[in-house]
Protein backbone atom coordinates (compact mmCIF):
# COMPACT_ATOMS: atom_id res chain seq x y z
CA MET A 1 21.24 -98.02 44.86
CA THR A 2 21.16 -100.29 47.93
CA ARG A 3 22.91 -103.59 47.33
CA GLN A 4 20.91 -106.68 48.29
CA VAL A 5 22.61 -109.65 49.91
CA ILE A 6 21.50 -112.96 51.37
CA LEU A 7 22.34 -113.93 54.95
CA LEU A 8 22.23 -117.50 56.22
CA ALA A 9 20.46 -116.84 59.52
CA SER A 10 19.68 -119.14 62.42
CA GLY A 11 18.83 -116.89 65.34
CA GLY A 12 22.23 -117.57 66.88
CA LEU A 13 24.75 -115.01 68.05
CA ASP A 14 27.11 -115.20 65.08
CA SER A 15 24.64 -114.81 62.21
CA SER A 16 22.63 -112.22 64.14
CA THR A 17 25.77 -110.15 64.61
CA VAL A 18 26.45 -110.32 60.88
CA ALA A 19 22.89 -109.08 60.23
CA TYR A 20 23.47 -105.99 62.38
CA LEU A 21 26.87 -105.42 60.76
CA LEU A 22 25.38 -105.57 57.25
CA VAL A 23 22.62 -103.11 58.17
CA GLU A 24 25.25 -100.76 59.59
CA GLN A 25 27.12 -101.00 56.28
CA GLY A 26 24.01 -100.08 54.31
CA TYR A 27 23.10 -103.42 52.74
CA GLU A 28 19.57 -104.65 52.10
CA VAL A 29 19.58 -108.03 53.84
CA LEU A 30 17.42 -111.02 52.95
CA PRO A 31 17.77 -113.58 55.78
CA ILE A 32 17.36 -117.22 54.77
CA PHE A 33 16.59 -119.85 57.41
CA PHE A 34 16.92 -123.58 56.84
CA ASP A 35 14.64 -126.11 58.53
CA TYR A 36 16.81 -129.22 58.21
CA GLY A 37 14.79 -131.18 60.74
CA GLN A 38 16.65 -129.86 63.80
CA HIS A 39 14.76 -130.52 67.02
CA CYS A 40 15.01 -126.85 67.99
CA VAL A 41 13.68 -125.53 64.67
CA GLU A 42 10.67 -123.67 66.09
CA THR A 43 12.75 -122.09 68.86
CA GLU A 44 15.37 -120.99 66.33
CA TRP A 45 12.73 -119.58 63.97
CA TYR A 46 11.05 -117.65 66.78
CA ARG A 47 14.30 -116.24 68.10
CA LEU A 48 15.45 -115.33 64.59
CA ASN A 49 12.37 -113.22 64.01
CA GLU A 50 12.78 -111.70 67.46
CA VAL A 51 16.44 -110.69 67.24
CA LEU A 52 16.86 -109.54 63.63
CA PRO A 53 17.27 -105.80 63.13
CA THR A 54 14.09 -104.10 61.93
CA LYS A 55 15.67 -102.90 58.70
CA VAL A 56 16.18 -106.36 57.19
CA LEU A 57 13.69 -107.99 54.83
CA ASN A 58 11.30 -110.61 56.15
CA PRO A 59 13.23 -113.88 56.53
CA GLU A 60 12.55 -116.79 54.21
CA ARG A 61 12.07 -120.22 55.72
CA ASN A 62 13.17 -123.14 53.55
CA ASP A 63 12.30 -126.73 54.45
CA ILE A 64 15.08 -129.18 53.57
CA SER A 65 14.30 -131.59 56.40
CA ASP A 66 13.60 -134.57 54.14
CA ILE A 67 17.28 -134.67 53.19
CA PHE A 68 18.23 -135.60 56.76
CA ARG A 69 15.24 -137.82 57.51
CA GLY A 70 16.42 -140.82 59.52
CA SER A 71 19.56 -139.11 60.80
CA SER A 72 20.78 -140.25 64.20
CA SER A 73 22.40 -136.88 64.91
CA ARG A 74 21.37 -135.42 68.24
CA LEU A 75 20.74 -132.16 66.42
CA ILE A 76 17.87 -134.03 64.75
CA LEU A 77 16.85 -136.46 67.48
CA GLU A 78 16.72 -134.57 70.75
CA ALA A 79 18.45 -136.35 73.60
CA ASP A 80 17.10 -136.86 77.08
CA LEU A 81 19.80 -134.92 78.90
CA TRP A 82 18.89 -136.63 82.18
CA ALA A 83 19.55 -140.08 80.74
CA ASP A 84 21.66 -139.83 77.58
CA ASN A 85 25.38 -139.17 77.35
CA VAL A 86 25.82 -136.88 74.33
CA GLU A 87 29.29 -136.78 72.75
CA ASP A 88 30.58 -134.33 70.15
CA ASN A 89 30.32 -137.02 67.46
CA ASP A 90 26.61 -137.35 68.17
CA LEU A 91 25.98 -133.75 67.06
CA TYR A 92 27.45 -133.95 63.58
CA VAL A 93 25.02 -133.69 60.64
CA PRO A 94 26.73 -135.03 57.49
CA TYR A 95 27.31 -132.44 54.76
CA ARG A 96 24.96 -129.95 56.43
CA THR A 97 27.11 -126.87 55.84
CA PHE A 98 28.00 -128.01 52.32
CA PHE A 99 24.28 -128.34 51.57
CA PHE A 100 23.56 -124.93 53.10
CA TYR A 101 26.11 -123.37 50.76
CA ALA A 102 24.71 -125.09 47.67
CA ALA A 103 21.08 -124.25 48.50
CA ALA A 104 21.93 -120.64 49.34
CA ALA A 105 23.91 -120.24 46.13
CA ALA A 106 21.00 -121.62 44.10
CA ARG A 107 18.55 -119.29 45.83
CA ALA A 108 20.84 -116.31 45.40
CA GLN A 109 21.38 -116.86 41.69
CA THR A 110 17.64 -117.41 41.23
CA LEU A 111 17.01 -113.98 42.76
CA GLY A 112 19.88 -112.30 40.93
CA ILE A 113 21.88 -111.79 44.13
CA SER A 114 25.63 -112.27 43.98
CA SER A 115 26.68 -112.31 47.64
CA VAL A 116 25.75 -114.71 50.42
CA TYR A 117 26.89 -113.87 53.95
CA THR A 118 27.24 -116.38 56.77
CA GLY A 119 27.98 -116.17 60.47
CA PHE A 120 30.33 -119.15 60.49
CA ILE A 121 33.37 -118.72 62.70
CA ASN A 122 36.53 -120.81 62.87
CA SER A 123 35.04 -123.29 65.30
CA ASN A 124 37.06 -124.71 68.16
CA HIS A 125 34.90 -127.83 68.15
CA ALA A 126 37.01 -130.69 66.86
CA LYS A 127 34.02 -132.50 65.39
CA GLU A 128 32.62 -129.51 63.47
CA ILE A 129 34.86 -130.17 60.50
CA ASP A 130 32.47 -128.29 58.20
CA CYS A 131 32.70 -125.07 60.23
CA THR A 132 36.43 -124.45 59.99
CA ALA A 133 38.06 -121.61 58.08
CA ASP A 134 39.93 -124.17 55.98
CA PHE A 135 36.69 -125.88 54.97
CA MET A 136 35.04 -122.57 54.07
CA ASN A 137 38.06 -121.48 52.06
CA LYS A 138 37.81 -124.65 50.01
CA LEU A 139 34.11 -124.01 49.38
CA ASP A 140 34.99 -120.53 48.17
CA GLY A 141 37.35 -122.04 45.64
CA LEU A 142 34.69 -124.48 44.49
CA SER A 143 32.02 -121.81 44.03
CA GLU A 144 34.37 -119.66 41.98
CA GLU A 145 34.45 -122.42 39.36
CA VAL A 146 30.71 -122.98 39.01
CA GLY A 147 28.86 -119.67 39.25
CA PRO A 148 28.74 -115.97 40.09
CA VAL A 149 27.67 -116.28 43.73
CA ARG A 150 30.31 -115.46 46.33
CA PHE A 151 30.27 -116.41 50.01
CA ILE A 152 31.44 -113.98 52.65
CA SER A 153 31.98 -115.00 56.27
CA PRO A 154 33.17 -111.88 58.10
CA PHE A 155 34.05 -113.78 61.26
CA ARG A 156 35.62 -116.91 59.80
CA TYR A 157 38.95 -116.12 61.51
CA ASN A 158 37.42 -114.72 64.70
CA SER A 159 36.77 -116.28 68.08
CA LYS A 160 33.39 -116.31 69.79
CA THR A 161 34.72 -113.72 72.24
CA GLU A 162 35.60 -111.36 69.39
CA VAL A 163 32.16 -111.84 67.84
CA THR A 164 30.55 -111.13 71.20
CA ARG A 165 32.48 -107.87 71.53
CA GLU A 166 31.28 -106.84 68.07
CA ALA A 167 27.71 -107.81 69.01
CA LEU A 168 27.93 -105.53 72.03
CA ARG A 169 29.13 -102.67 69.86
CA LEU A 170 26.30 -103.17 67.38
CA GLY A 171 23.58 -103.50 70.00
CA VAL A 172 22.65 -107.10 69.20
CA PRO A 173 20.15 -108.49 71.77
CA ILE A 174 22.62 -111.19 72.78
CA GLY A 175 20.43 -112.64 75.51
CA ARG A 176 17.67 -113.45 73.03
CA THR A 177 19.86 -115.32 70.53
CA PHE A 178 19.76 -119.13 70.61
CA SER A 179 22.29 -121.70 69.47
CA CYS A 180 22.05 -124.70 71.79
CA GLN A 181 22.77 -128.02 70.10
CA ALA A 182 21.32 -130.42 72.65
CA ALA A 183 18.07 -128.92 73.93
CA SER A 184 15.16 -127.52 71.94
CA GLN A 185 13.64 -125.06 74.39
CA LEU A 186 16.23 -123.65 76.79
CA PRO A 187 20.04 -123.68 76.46
CA CYS A 188 21.50 -126.76 78.12
CA GLY A 189 24.72 -125.03 79.15
CA ALA A 190 26.80 -128.14 78.42
CA CYS A 191 26.90 -128.71 74.65
CA PRO A 192 29.90 -127.32 72.68
CA ASN A 193 27.95 -124.27 71.48
CA CYS A 194 26.73 -123.42 74.98
CA VAL A 195 30.16 -123.89 76.53
CA GLU A 196 31.81 -121.66 73.95
CA ARG A 197 29.08 -119.03 74.29
CA LEU A 198 29.27 -118.95 78.09
CA ALA A 199 33.06 -118.60 77.96
CA ALA A 200 32.71 -115.67 75.55
CA LEU A 201 30.12 -113.97 77.75
CA ARG A 202 32.40 -114.33 80.76
CA SER A 203 35.43 -112.99 78.90
CA THR A 204 33.51 -109.88 77.85
CA GLY A 205 32.18 -109.26 81.34
CA LEU A 206 28.56 -110.14 80.59
CA LEU A 207 28.69 -113.02 83.07
CA GLY A 208 30.42 -113.11 86.41
């Protein structure tokens, strides 16, 4: 019997790579996408549906945007990159990852699914305190005390370069993934996500 799992999916490189890895391992994957009011939500949703492997289930879209209504984060309020100076602090969305975990766990237990996979890596971004391996390890410990759902982040100790190499092996359409933090339509090339992604592409030989 095929085991069903949930994947927190955004259309970015990391979660898309996990989707292809899970399909390779024979899992039935239900992708879950969160609309938390991010300015790039429609671009992310479009890219997600474009890049997911054909063997996954149709992704669910869950609207949690009211929770972050009024946020000043530049992930919510898109900056004018010609006029605004965007710092790392400006991109932080309070408790976003914590909320993702709680909502995914609730959805998983509702559906009788015991495993939730994420594409989170041990971020090098100093301000992404909720995307570190240490933070995720603590969430694992918390979830063990309150329910049967377990979180699995295959790349939590990996670099973006290592994830990119795995994406190449799996045939992920890397060029169609999207994870820019500052611009809603096309990657800005300057935000922390874009900088890390470009460095990984160069290190794997995909960019000169």
